[in-house]
Amino acid sequence: MTDPKLSKKIIYFFCGAEGTKRANAAMLICSWQILYMGRTPDEAYEEFRGAIFPPFHDASPCVCTYKLSVLDCLRGLAKAKMYNFFNFEKFDVQEYEYFEQVSQGEE
């Protein structure tokens, strides 16, 4: 949003009412703020305070044995960014797609 023509524009994001979709949407919106706007997890999550989300879960079909909030995940993302563990410049799409496959996660 560095284009001056967009500075006064509002972005609307619609995801529906289902709790998991709302949690994913909050994670996406807040992650963008952390990665591109330099906000802290608490700053990025501020607009979602008071919202009720189910525990955050990755997309795997397994039963989740732990409860992570969206804010927990955002704090993990910020820490990964801080230690340069997450870096778009060095992100290997082919490696990600390989390990994204459930069959590769067991090795």
PDB file of N, CA and C in Angstrom:
ATOM      1  N   MET A   1       0.819  -1.181   0.000  1.00  0.00           N
ATOM      2  CA  MET A   1       0.000   0.000   0.000  1.00  0.00           C
ATOM      3  C   MET A   1       0.869   1.253   0.000  1.00  0.00           C
ATOM      4  N   THR A   2       1.957   1.200  -0.716  1.00  0.00           N
ATOM      5  CA  THR A   2       2.844   2.360  -0.775  1.00  0.00           C
ATOM      6  C   THR A   2       2.440   3.342  -1.877  1.00  0.00           C
ATOM      7  N   ASP A   3       1.548   2.938  -2.753  1.00  0.00           N
ATOM      8  CA  ASP A   3       1.086   3.809  -3.825  1.00  0.00           C
ATOM      9  C   ASP A   3       0.231   4.927  -3.216  1.00  0.00           C
ATOM     10  N   PRO A   4       0.601   6.195  -3.420  1.00  0.00           N
ATOM     11  CA  PRO A   4      -0.155   7.315  -2.846  1.00  0.00           C
ATOM     12  C   PRO A   4      -1.635   7.310  -3.233  1.00  0.00           C
ATOM     13  N   LYS A   5      -1.962   6.778  -4.400  1.00  0.00           N
ATOM     14  CA  LYS A   5      -3.361   6.726  -4.834  1.00  0.00           C
ATOM     15  C   LYS A   5      -4.192   5.803  -3.942  1.00  0.00           C
ATOM     16  N   LEU A   6      -3.533   4.892  -3.231  1.00  0.00           N
ATOM     17  CA  LEU A   6      -4.244   3.937  -2.385  1.00  0.00           C
ATOM     18  C   LEU A   6      -4.255   4.334  -0.913  1.00  0.00           C
ATOM     19  N   SER A   7      -3.618   5.422  -0.571  1.00  0.00           N
ATOM     20  CA  SER A   7      -3.433   5.780   0.841  1.00  0.00           C
ATOM     21  C   SER A   7      -4.738   5.990   1.606  1.00  0.00           C
ATOM     22  N   LYS A   8      -5.775   6.416   0.936  1.00  0.00           N
ATOM     23  CA  LYS A   8      -7.045   6.660   1.622  1.00  0.00           C
ATOM     24  C   LYS A   8      -8.077   5.573   1.326  1.00  0.00           C
ATOM     25  N   LYS A   9      -7.635   4.503   0.713  1.00  0.00           N
ATOM     26  CA  LYS A   9      -8.543   3.401   0.378  1.00  0.00           C
ATOM     27  C   LYS A   9      -8.694   2.473   1.574  1.00  0.00           C
ATOM     28  N   ILE A  10      -9.851   1.852   1.649  1.00  0.00           N
ATOM     29  CA  ILE A  10     -10.128   0.882   2.690  1.00  0.00           C
ATOM     30  C   ILE A  10     -10.181  -0.496   2.039  1.00  0.00           C
ATOM     31  N   ILE A  11      -9.544  -1.460   2.667  1.00  0.00           N
ATOM     32  CA  ILE A  11      -9.582  -2.829   2.171  1.00  0.00           C
ATOM     33  C   ILE A  11     -10.617  -3.591   2.988  1.00  0.00           C
ATOM     34  N   TYR A  12     -11.527  -4.242   2.308  1.00  0.00           N
ATOM     35  CA  TYR A  12     -12.525  -5.077   2.965  1.00  0.00           C
ATOM     36  C   TYR A  12     -12.173  -6.531   2.700  1.00  0.00           C
ATOM     37  N   PHE A  13     -12.292  -7.340   3.724  1.00  0.00           N
ATOM     38  CA  PHE A  13     -12.001  -8.763   3.599  1.00  0.00           C
ATOM     39  C   PHE A  13     -13.194  -9.516   4.164  1.00  0.00           C
ATOM     40  N   PHE A  14     -13.771 -10.391   3.386  1.00  0.00           N
ATOM     41  CA  PHE A  14     -14.922 -11.166   3.835  1.00  0.00           C
ATOM     42  C   PHE A  14     -14.561 -12.635   3.839  1.00  0.00           C
ATOM     43  N   CYS A  15     -14.894 -13.323   4.927  1.00  0.00           N
ATOM     44  CA  CYS A  15     -14.548 -14.743   5.013  1.00  0.00           C
ATOM     45  C   CYS A  15     -15.715 -15.612   5.446  1.00  0.00           C
ATOM     46  N   GLY A  16     -16.827 -15.041   5.832  1.00  0.00           N
ATOM     47  CA  GLY A  16     -17.960 -15.831   6.311  1.00  0.00           C
ATOM     48  C   GLY A  16     -17.961 -15.899   7.829  1.00  0.00           C
ATOM     49  N   ALA A  17     -18.923 -16.614   8.368  1.00  0.00           N
ATOM     50  CA  ALA A  17     -19.126 -16.634   9.820  1.00  0.00           C
ATOM     51  C   ALA A  17     -18.520 -17.845  10.514  1.00  0.00           C
ATOM     52  N   GLU A  18     -18.096 -18.846   9.773  1.00  0.00           N
ATOM     53  CA  GLU A  18     -17.532 -20.059  10.388  1.00  0.00           C
ATOM     54  C   GLU A  18     -16.271 -19.711  11.187  1.00  0.00           C
ATOM     55  N   GLY A  19     -16.204 -20.199  12.419  1.00  0.00           N
ATOM     56  CA  GLY A  19     -15.116 -19.849  13.330  1.00  0.00           C
ATOM     57  C   GLY A  19     -13.732 -20.122  12.788  1.00  0.00           C
ATOM     58  N   THR A  20     -13.530 -21.278  12.159  1.00  0.00           N
ATOM     59  CA  THR A  20     -12.191 -21.603  11.648  1.00  0.00           C
ATOM     60  C   THR A  20     -11.793 -20.681  10.505  1.00  0.00           C
ATOM     61  N   LYS A  21     -12.758 -20.328   9.680  1.00  0.00           N
ATOM     62  CA  LYS A  21     -12.456 -19.401   8.575  1.00  0.00           C
ATOM     63  C   LYS A  21     -12.142 -18.007   9.114  1.00  0.00           C
ATOM     64  N   ARG A  22     -12.841 -17.603  10.157  1.00  0.00           N
ATOM     65  CA  ARG A  22     -12.567 -16.304  10.780  1.00  0.00           C
ATOM     66  C   ARG A  22     -11.189 -16.297  11.430  1.00  0.00           C
ATOM     67  N   ALA A  23     -10.812 -17.403  12.087  1.00  0.00           N
ATOM     68  CA  ALA A  23      -9.483 -17.492  12.699  1.00  0.00           C
ATOM     69  C   ALA A  23      -8.400 -17.425  11.623  1.00  0.00           C
ATOM     70  N   ASN A  24      -8.603 -18.129  10.514  1.00  0.00           N
ATOM     71  CA  ASN A  24      -7.631 -18.090   9.417  1.00  0.00           C
ATOM     72  C   ASN A  24      -7.535 -16.689   8.822  1.00  0.00           C
ATOM     73  N   ALA A  25      -8.673 -16.018   8.682  1.00  0.00           N
ATOM     74  CA  ALA A  25      -8.676 -14.659   8.131  1.00  0.00           C
ATOM     75  C   ALA A  25      -7.926 -13.706   9.059  1.00  0.00           C
ATOM     76  N   ALA A  26      -8.173 -13.806  10.356  1.00  0.00           N
ATOM     77  CA  ALA A  26      -7.463 -12.954  11.321  1.00  0.00           C
ATOM     78  C   ALA A  26      -5.968 -13.224  11.249  1.00  0.00           C
ATOM     79  N   MET A  27      -5.595 -14.481  11.142  1.00  0.00           N
ATOM     80  CA  MET A  27      -4.175 -14.838  11.048  1.00  0.00           C
ATOM     81  C   MET A  27      -3.550 -14.224   9.791  1.00  0.00           C
ATOM     82  N   LEU A  28      -4.238 -14.310   8.683  1.00  0.00           N
ATOM     83  CA  LEU A  28      -3.737 -13.760   7.419  1.00  0.00           C
ATOM     84  C   LEU A  28      -3.570 -12.243   7.494  1.00  0.00           C
ATOM     85  N   ILE A  29      -4.601 -11.565   7.968  1.00  0.00           N
ATOM     86  CA  ILE A  29      -4.569 -10.103   8.045  1.00  0.00           C
ATOM     87  C   ILE A  29      -3.473  -9.621   8.993  1.00  0.00           C
ATOM     88  N   CYS A  30      -3.397 -10.250  10.157  1.00  0.00           N
ATOM     89  CA  CYS A  30      -2.392  -9.837  11.145  1.00  0.00           C
ATOM     90  C   CYS A  30      -0.978 -10.202  10.704  1.00  0.00           C
ATOM     91  N   SER A  31      -0.828 -11.354  10.054  1.00  0.00           N
ATOM     92  CA  SER A  31       0.499 -11.756   9.554  1.00  0.00           C
ATOM     93  C   SER A  31       1.031 -10.733   8.565  1.00  0.00           C
ATOM     94  N   TRP A  32       0.166 -10.260   7.684  1.00  0.00           N
ATOM     95  CA  TRP A  32       0.578  -9.252   6.705  1.00  0.00           C
ATOM     96  C   TRP A  32       1.077  -8.001   7.423  1.00  0.00           C
ATOM     97  N   GLN A  33       0.369  -7.607   8.473  1.00  0.00           N
ATOM     98  CA  GLN A  33       0.771  -6.414   9.217  1.00  0.00           C
ATOM     99  C   GLN A  33       2.142  -6.604   9.877  1.00  0.00           C
ATOM    100  N   ILE A  34       2.394  -7.791  10.396  1.00  0.00           N
ATOM    101  CA  ILE A  34       3.688  -8.080  11.034  1.00  0.00           C
ATOM    102  C   ILE A  34       4.803  -8.103   9.999  1.00  0.00           C
ATOM    103  N   LEU A  35       4.555  -8.797   8.891  1.00  0.00           N
ATOM    104  CA  LEU A  35       5.606  -8.979   7.883  1.00  0.00           C
ATOM    105  C   LEU A  35       5.872  -7.734   7.048  1.00  0.00           C
ATOM    106  N   TYR A  36       4.844  -6.979   6.723  1.00  0.00           N
ATOM    107  CA  TYR A  36       5.021  -5.856   5.794  1.00  0.00           C
ATOM    108  C   TYR A  36       4.911  -4.474   6.433  1.00  0.00           C
ATOM    109  N   MET A  37       4.226  -4.390   7.572  1.00  0.00           N
ATOM    110  CA  MET A  37       4.062  -3.083   8.195  1.00  0.00           C
ATOM    111  C   MET A  37       4.934  -2.925   9.435  1.00  0.00           C
ATOM    112  N   GLY A  38       5.611  -3.997   9.829  1.00  0.00           N
ATOM    113  CA  GLY A  38       6.507  -3.931  10.978  1.00  0.00           C
ATOM    114  C   GLY A  38       5.791  -3.819  12.315  1.00  0.00           C
ATOM    115  N   ARG A  39       4.534  -4.208  12.371  1.00  0.00           N
ATOM    116  CA  ARG A  39       3.800  -4.148  13.632  1.00  0.00           C
ATOM    117  C   ARG A  39       4.144  -5.336  14.514  1.00  0.00           C
ATOM    118  N   THR A  40       3.957  -5.160  15.794  1.00  0.00           N
ATOM    119  CA  THR A  40       4.131  -6.273  16.731  1.00  0.00           C
ATOM    120  C   THR A  40       2.869  -7.135  16.659  1.00  0.00           C
ATOM    121  N   PRO A  41       2.951  -8.369  17.158  1.00  0.00           N
ATOM    122  CA  PRO A  41       1.743  -9.203  17.172  1.00  0.00           C
ATOM    123  C   PRO A  41       0.583  -8.545  17.932  1.00  0.00           C
ATOM    124  N   ASP A  42       0.875  -7.923  19.055  1.00  0.00           N
ATOM    125  CA  ASP A  42      -0.190  -7.287  19.831  1.00  0.00           C
ATOM    126  C   ASP A  42      -0.804  -6.099  19.087  1.00  0.00           C
ATOM    127  N   GLU A  43       0.017  -5.333  18.392  1.00  0.00           N
ATOM    128  CA  GLU A  43      -0.508  -4.209  17.607  1.00  0.00           C
ATOM    129  C   GLU A  43      -1.381  -4.727  16.460  1.00  0.00           C
ATOM    130  N   ALA A  44      -0.897  -5.747  15.773  1.00  0.00           N
ATOM    131  CA  ALA A  44      -1.635  -6.292  14.635  1.00  0.00           C
ATOM    132  C   ALA A  44      -2.963  -6.907  15.066  1.00  0.00           C
ATOM    133  N   TYR A  45      -2.987  -7.517  16.228  1.00  0.00           N
ATOM    134  CA  TYR A  45      -4.169  -8.222  16.715  1.00  0.00           C
ATOM    135  C   TYR A  45      -5.181  -7.301  17.407  1.00  0.00           C
ATOM    136  N   GLU A  46      -4.814  -6.077  17.646  1.00  0.00           N
ATOM    137  CA  GLU A  46      -5.632  -5.150  18.441  1.00  0.00           C
ATOM    138  C   GLU A  46      -7.089  -5.085  17.971  1.00  0.00           C
ATOM    139  N   GLU A  47      -7.314  -5.008  16.687  1.00  0.00           N
ATOM    140  CA  GLU A  47      -8.682  -4.895  16.161  1.00  0.00           C
ATOM    141  C   GLU A  47      -9.500  -6.165  16.378  1.00  0.00           C
ATOM    142  N   PHE A  48      -8.826  -7.266  16.684  1.00  0.00           N
ATOM    143  CA  PHE A  48      -9.526  -8.537  16.890  1.00  0.00           C
ATOM    144  C   PHE A  48      -9.738  -8.857  18.365  1.00  0.00           C
ATOM    145  N   ARG A  49      -9.240  -8.013  19.254  1.00  0.00           N
ATOM    146  CA  ARG A  49      -9.434  -8.249  20.690  1.00  0.00           C
ATOM    147  C   ARG A  49     -10.933  -8.297  20.964  1.00  0.00           C
ATOM    148  N   GLY A  50     -11.330  -9.272  21.725  1.00  0.00           N
ATOM    149  CA  GLY A  50     -12.746  -9.442  22.025  1.00  0.00           C
ATOM    150  C   GLY A  50     -13.447 -10.399  21.069  1.00  0.00           C
ATOM    151  N   ALA A  51     -12.834 -10.667  19.922  1.00  0.00           N
ATOM    152  CA  ALA A  51     -13.409 -11.641  18.992  1.00  0.00           C
ATOM    153  C   ALA A  51     -13.189 -13.041  19.564  1.00  0.00           C
ATOM    154  N   ILE A  52     -14.116 -13.910  19.321  1.00  0.00           N
ATOM    155  CA  ILE A  52     -13.990 -15.286  19.814  1.00  0.00           C
ATOM    156  C   ILE A  52     -13.668 -16.184  18.630  1.00  0.00           C
ATOM    157  N   PHE A  53     -12.494 -16.800  18.699  1.00  0.00           N
ATOM    158  CA  PHE A  53     -12.055 -17.726  17.664  1.00  0.00           C
ATOM    159  C   PHE A  53     -11.839 -19.100  18.285  1.00  0.00           C
ATOM    160  N   PRO A  54     -12.066 -20.159  17.510  1.00  0.00           N
ATOM    161  CA  PRO A  54     -11.699 -21.479  18.019  1.00  0.00           C
ATOM    162  C   PRO A  54     -10.177 -21.571  18.058  1.00  0.00           C
ATOM    163  N   PRO A  55      -9.626 -22.545  18.792  1.00  0.00           N
ATOM    164  CA  PRO A  55      -8.166 -22.698  18.778  1.00  0.00           C
ATOM    165  C   PRO A  55      -7.669 -22.827  17.338  1.00  0.00           C
ATOM    166  N   PHE A  56      -6.526 -22.205  17.065  1.00  0.00           N
ATOM    167  CA  PHE A  56      -5.972 -22.225  15.711  1.00  0.00           C
ATOM    168  C   PHE A  56      -5.382 -23.589  15.433  1.00  0.00           C
ATOM    169  N   HIS A  57      -5.578 -24.064  14.228  1.00  0.00           N
ATOM    170  CA  HIS A  57      -5.104 -25.387  13.828  1.00  0.00           C
ATOM    171  C   HIS A  57      -4.628 -25.290  12.389  1.00  0.00           C
ATOM    172  N   ASP A  58      -3.555 -25.996  12.081  1.00  0.00           N
ATOM    173  CA  ASP A  58      -3.102 -26.000  10.688  1.00  0.00           C
ATOM    174  C   ASP A  58      -4.111 -26.764   9.833  1.00  0.00           C
ATOM    175  N   ALA A  59      -3.829 -26.896   8.565  1.00  0.00           N
ATOM    176  CA  ALA A  59      -4.791 -27.486   7.639  1.00  0.00           C
ATOM    177  C   ALA A  59      -4.790 -29.016   7.643  1.00  0.00           C
ATOM    178  N   SER A  60      -3.995 -29.637   8.482  1.00  0.00           N
ATOM    179  CA  SER A  60      -3.954 -31.098   8.482  1.00  0.00           C
ATOM    180  C   SER A  60      -5.282 -31.666   8.982  1.00  0.00           C
ATOM    181  N   PRO A  61      -5.624 -32.870   8.515  1.00  0.00           N
ATOM    182  CA  PRO A  61      -6.906 -33.468   8.901  1.00  0.00           C
ATOM    183  C   PRO A  61      -6.868 -34.146  10.278  1.00  0.00           C
ATOM    184  N   CYS A  62      -5.772 -34.068  10.970  1.00  0.00           N
ATOM    185  CA  CYS A  62      -5.613 -34.749  12.254  1.00  0.00           C
ATOM    186  C   CYS A  62      -6.368 -34.030  13.365  1.00  0.00           C
ATOM    187  N   VAL A  63      -6.669 -34.779  14.420  1.00  0.00           N
ATOM    188  CA  VAL A  63      -7.270 -34.181  15.599  1.00  0.00           C
ATOM    189  C   VAL A  63      -6.194 -33.368  16.312  1.00  0.00           C
ATOM    190  N   CYS A  64      -6.527 -32.162  16.660  1.00  0.00           N
ATOM    191  CA  CYS A  64      -5.565 -31.276  17.310  1.00  0.00           C
ATOM    192  C   CYS A  64      -5.478 -31.623  18.793  1.00  0.00           C
ATOM    193  N   THR A  65      -4.272 -31.814  19.280  1.00  0.00           N
ATOM    194  CA  THR A  65      -4.067 -32.184  20.684  1.00  0.00           C
ATOM    195  C   THR A  65      -3.564 -31.005  21.519  1.00  0.00           C
ATOM    196  N   TYR A  66      -3.560 -29.825  20.963  1.00  0.00           N
ATOM    197  CA  TYR A  66      -3.092 -28.630  21.660  1.00  0.00           C
ATOM    198  C   TYR A  66      -3.984 -27.462  21.272  1.00  0.00           C
ATOM    199  N   LYS A  67      -3.971 -26.424  22.052  1.00  0.00           N
ATOM    200  CA  LYS A  67      -4.804 -25.246  21.772  1.00  0.00           C
ATOM    201  C   LYS A  67      -3.916 -24.021  21.624  1.00  0.00           C
ATOM    202  N   LEU A  68      -3.830 -23.531  20.411  1.00  0.00           N
ATOM    203  CA  LEU A  68      -3.091 -22.299  20.128  1.00  0.00           C
ATOM    204  C   LEU A  68      -4.072 -21.218  19.729  1.00  0.00           C
ATOM    205  N   SER A  69      -3.890 -20.048  20.270  1.00  0.00           N
ATOM    206  CA  SER A  69      -4.721 -18.929  19.833  1.00  0.00           C
ATOM    207  C   SER A  69      -4.095 -18.315  18.587  1.00  0.00           C
ATOM    208  N   VAL A  70      -4.861 -17.509  17.905  1.00  0.00           N
ATOM    209  CA  VAL A  70      -4.317 -16.775  16.763  1.00  0.00           C
ATOM    210  C   VAL A  70      -3.137 -15.932  17.239  1.00  0.00           C
ATOM    211  N   LEU A  71      -3.261 -15.310  18.395  1.00  0.00           N
ATOM    212  CA  LEU A  71      -2.178 -14.478  18.931  1.00  0.00           C
ATOM    213  C   LEU A  71      -0.921 -15.299  19.216  1.00  0.00           C
ATOM    214  N   ASP A  72      -1.069 -16.534  19.695  1.00  0.00           N
ATOM    215  CA  ASP A  72       0.095 -17.415  19.888  1.00  0.00           C
ATOM    216  C   ASP A  72       0.840 -17.608  18.567  1.00  0.00           C
ATOM    217  N   CYS A  73       0.083 -17.864  17.511  1.00  0.00           N
ATOM    218  CA  CYS A  73       0.681 -18.094  16.189  1.00  0.00           C
ATOM    219  C   CYS A  73       1.351 -16.830  15.659  1.00  0.00           C
ATOM    220  N   LEU A  74       0.730 -15.688  15.891  1.00  0.00           N
ATOM    221  CA  LEU A  74       1.314 -14.419  15.447  1.00  0.00           C
ATOM    222  C   LEU A  74       2.630 -14.149  16.180  1.00  0.00           C
ATOM    223  N   ARG A  75       2.672 -14.458  17.447  1.00  0.00           N
ATOM    224  CA  ARG A  75       3.914 -14.276  18.206  1.00  0.00           C
ATOM    225  C   ARG A  75       5.004 -15.206  17.693  1.00  0.00           C
ATOM    226  N   GLY A  76       4.630 -16.416  17.296  1.00  0.00           N
ATOM    227  CA  GLY A  76       5.599 -17.328  16.698  1.00  0.00           C
ATOM    228  C   GLY A  76       6.123 -16.808  15.371  1.00  0.00           C
ATOM    229  N   LEU A  77       5.230 -16.254  14.553  1.00  0.00           N
ATOM    230  CA  LEU A  77       5.643 -15.677  13.269  1.00  0.00           C
ATOM    231  C   LEU A  77       6.602 -14.513  13.485  1.00  0.00           C
ATOM    232  N   ALA A  78       6.293 -13.655  14.434  1.00  0.00           N
ATOM    233  CA  ALA A  78       7.165 -12.503  14.714  1.00  0.00           C
ATOM    234  C   ALA A  78       8.545 -12.962  15.178  1.00  0.00           C
ATOM    235  N   LYS A  79       8.586 -14.004  15.999  1.00  0.00           N
ATOM    236  CA  LYS A  79       9.873 -14.518  16.471  1.00  0.00           C
ATOM    237  C   LYS A  79      10.654 -15.123  15.298  1.00  0.00           C
ATOM    238  N   ALA A  80       9.951 -15.851  14.425  1.00  0.00           N
ATOM    239  CA  ALA A  80      10.602 -16.420  13.244  1.00  0.00           C
ATOM    240  C   ALA A  80      11.171 -15.313  12.357  1.00  0.00           C
ATOM    241  N   LYS A  81      10.423 -14.229  12.208  1.00  0.00           N
ATOM    242  CA  LYS A  81      10.917 -13.086  11.425  1.00  0.00           C
ATOM    243  C   LYS A  81      12.126 -12.454  12.100  1.00  0.00           C
ATOM    244  N   MET A  82      12.048 -12.286  13.424  1.00  0.00           N
ATOM    245  CA  MET A  82      13.135 -11.651  14.173  1.00  0.00           C
ATOM    246  C   MET A  82      14.448 -12.432  14.026  1.00  0.00           C
ATOM    247  N   TYR A  83      14.372 -13.761  14.032  1.00  0.00           N
ATOM    248  CA  TYR A  83      15.577 -14.587  13.929  1.00  0.00           C
ATOM    249  C   TYR A  83      15.889 -14.991  12.491  1.00  0.00           C
ATOM    250  N   ASN A  84      15.188 -14.360  11.541  1.00  0.00           N
ATOM    251  CA  ASN A  84      15.400 -14.591  10.112  1.00  0.00           C
ATOM    252  C   ASN A  84      15.129 -16.041   9.711  1.00  0.00           C
ATOM    253  N   PHE A  85      14.295 -16.722  10.503  1.00  0.00           N
ATOM    254  CA  PHE A  85      13.896 -18.079  10.157  1.00  0.00           C
ATOM    255  C   PHE A  85      12.892 -18.049   9.016  1.00  0.00           C
ATOM    256  N   PHE A  86      12.099 -16.992   8.997  1.00  0.00           N
ATOM    257  CA  PHE A  86      11.116 -16.790   7.942  1.00  0.00           C
ATOM    258  C   PHE A  86      11.590 -15.619   7.102  1.00  0.00           C
ATOM    259  N   ASN A  87      11.910 -15.879   5.841  1.00  0.00           N
ATOM    260  CA  ASN A  87      12.477 -14.852   4.986  1.00  0.00           C
ATOM    261  C   ASN A  87      12.001 -15.078   3.556  1.00  0.00           C
ATOM    262  N   PHE A  88      11.214 -14.152   3.030  1.00  0.00           N
ATOM    263  CA  PHE A  88      10.707 -14.316   1.668  1.00  0.00           C
ATOM    264  C   PHE A  88      11.823 -14.337   0.631  1.00  0.00           C
ATOM    265  N   GLU A  89      12.906 -13.642   0.898  1.00  0.00           N
ATOM    266  CA  GLU A  89      14.017 -13.593  -0.054  1.00  0.00           C
ATOM    267  C   GLU A  89      14.650 -14.967  -0.250  1.00  0.00           C
ATOM    268  N   LYS A  90      14.662 -15.775   0.805  1.00  0.00           N
ATOM    269  CA  LYS A  90      15.309 -17.094   0.760  1.00  0.00           C
ATOM    270  C   LYS A  90      14.308 -18.245   0.735  1.00  0.00           C
ATOM    271  N   PHE A  91      13.018 -17.930   0.623  1.00  0.00           N
ATOM    272  CA  PHE A  91      11.977 -18.955   0.680  1.00  0.00           C
ATOM    273  C   PHE A  91      12.052 -19.855  -0.550  1.00  0.00           C
ATOM    274  N   ASP A  92      12.149 -21.156  -0.329  1.00  0.00           N
ATOM    275  CA  ASP A  92      12.258 -22.133  -1.410  1.00  0.00           C
ATOM    276  C   ASP A  92      10.889 -22.770  -1.636  1.00  0.00           C
ATOM    277  N   VAL A  93      10.197 -22.344  -2.676  1.00  0.00           N
ATOM    278  CA  VAL A  93       8.847 -22.812  -2.956  1.00  0.00           C
ATOM    279  C   VAL A  93       8.831 -24.312  -3.225  1.00  0.00           C
ATOM    280  N   GLN A  94       9.795 -24.804  -3.985  1.00  0.00           N
ATOM    281  CA  GLN A  94       9.822 -26.234  -4.304  1.00  0.00           C
ATOM    282  C   GLN A  94      10.002 -27.076  -3.034  1.00  0.00           C
ATOM    283  N   GLU A  95      10.879 -26.643  -2.154  1.00  0.00           N
ATOM    284  CA  GLU A  95      11.075 -27.371  -0.908  1.00  0.00           C
ATOM    285  C   GLU A  95       9.797 -27.345  -0.070  1.00  0.00           C
ATOM    286  N   TYR A  96       9.158 -26.188   0.009  1.00  0.00           N
ATOM    287  CA  TYR A  96       7.915 -26.073   0.760  1.00  0.00           C
ATOM    288  C   TYR A  96       6.853 -27.021   0.198  1.00  0.00           C
ATOM    289  N   GLU A  97       6.679 -27.016  -1.121  1.00  0.00           N
ATOM    290  CA  GLU A  97       5.657 -27.866  -1.732  1.00  0.00           C
ATOM    291  C   GLU A  97       5.968 -29.343  -1.531  1.00  0.00           C
ATOM    292  N   TYR A  98       7.241 -29.701  -1.505  1.00  0.00           N
ATOM    293  CA  TYR A  98       7.637 -31.086  -1.257  1.00  0.00           C
ATOM    294  C   TYR A  98       7.244 -31.509   0.158  1.00  0.00           C
ATOM    295  N   PHE A  99       7.623 -30.706   1.146  1.00  0.00           N
ATOM    296  CA  PHE A  99       7.364 -31.063   2.538  1.00  0.00           C
ATOM    297  C   PHE A  99       5.915 -30.797   2.960  1.00  0.00           C
ATOM    298  N   GLU A 100       5.183 -30.061   2.124  1.00  0.00           N
ATOM    299  CA  GLU A 100       3.776 -29.808   2.406  1.00  0.00           C
ATOM    300  C   GLU A 100       2.950 -31.084   2.263  1.00  0.00           C
ATOM    301  N   GLN A 101       3.439 -32.007   1.453  1.00  0.00           N
ATOM    302  CA  GLN A 101       2.737 -33.256   1.228  1.00  0.00           C
ATOM    303  C   GLN A 101       2.752 -34.086   2.514  1.00  0.00           C
ATOM    304  N   VAL A 102       1.598 -34.584   2.886  1.00  0.00           N
ATOM    305  CA  VAL A 102       1.491 -35.356   4.126  1.00  0.00           C
ATOM    306  C   VAL A 102       2.451 -36.534   4.111  1.00  0.00           C
ATOM    307  N   SER A 103       2.647 -37.174   2.964  1.00  0.00           N
ATOM    308  CA  SER A 103       3.534 -38.341   2.884  1.00  0.00           C
ATOM    309  C   SER A 103       4.984 -37.983   3.211  1.00  0.00           C
ATOM    310  N   GLN A 104       5.380 -36.737   3.032  1.00  0.00           N
ATOM    311  CA  GLN A 104       6.757 -36.325   3.319  1.00  0.00           C
ATOM    312  C   GLN A 104       6.965 -35.924   4.768  1.00  0.00           C
ATOM    313  N   GLY A 105       5.887 -35.693   5.493  1.00  0.00           N
ATOM    314  CA  GLY A 105       5.989 -35.271   6.875  1.00  0.00           C
ATOM    315  C   GLY A 105       6.365 -36.382   7.836  1.00  0.00           C
ATOM    316  N   GLU A 106       6.329 -37.608   7.367  1.00  0.00           N
ATOM    317  CA  GLU A 106       6.611 -38.751   8.234  1.00  0.00           C
ATOM    318  C   GLU A 106       8.068 -39.180   8.204  1.00  0.00           C
ATOM    319  N   GLU A 107       8.843 -38.599   7.327  1.00  0.00           N
ATOM    320  CA  GLU A 107      10.241 -39.047   7.184  1.00  0.00           C
ATOM    321  C   GLU A 107      11.113 -38.534   8.294  1.00  0.00           C
TER     322      GLU A 107
END
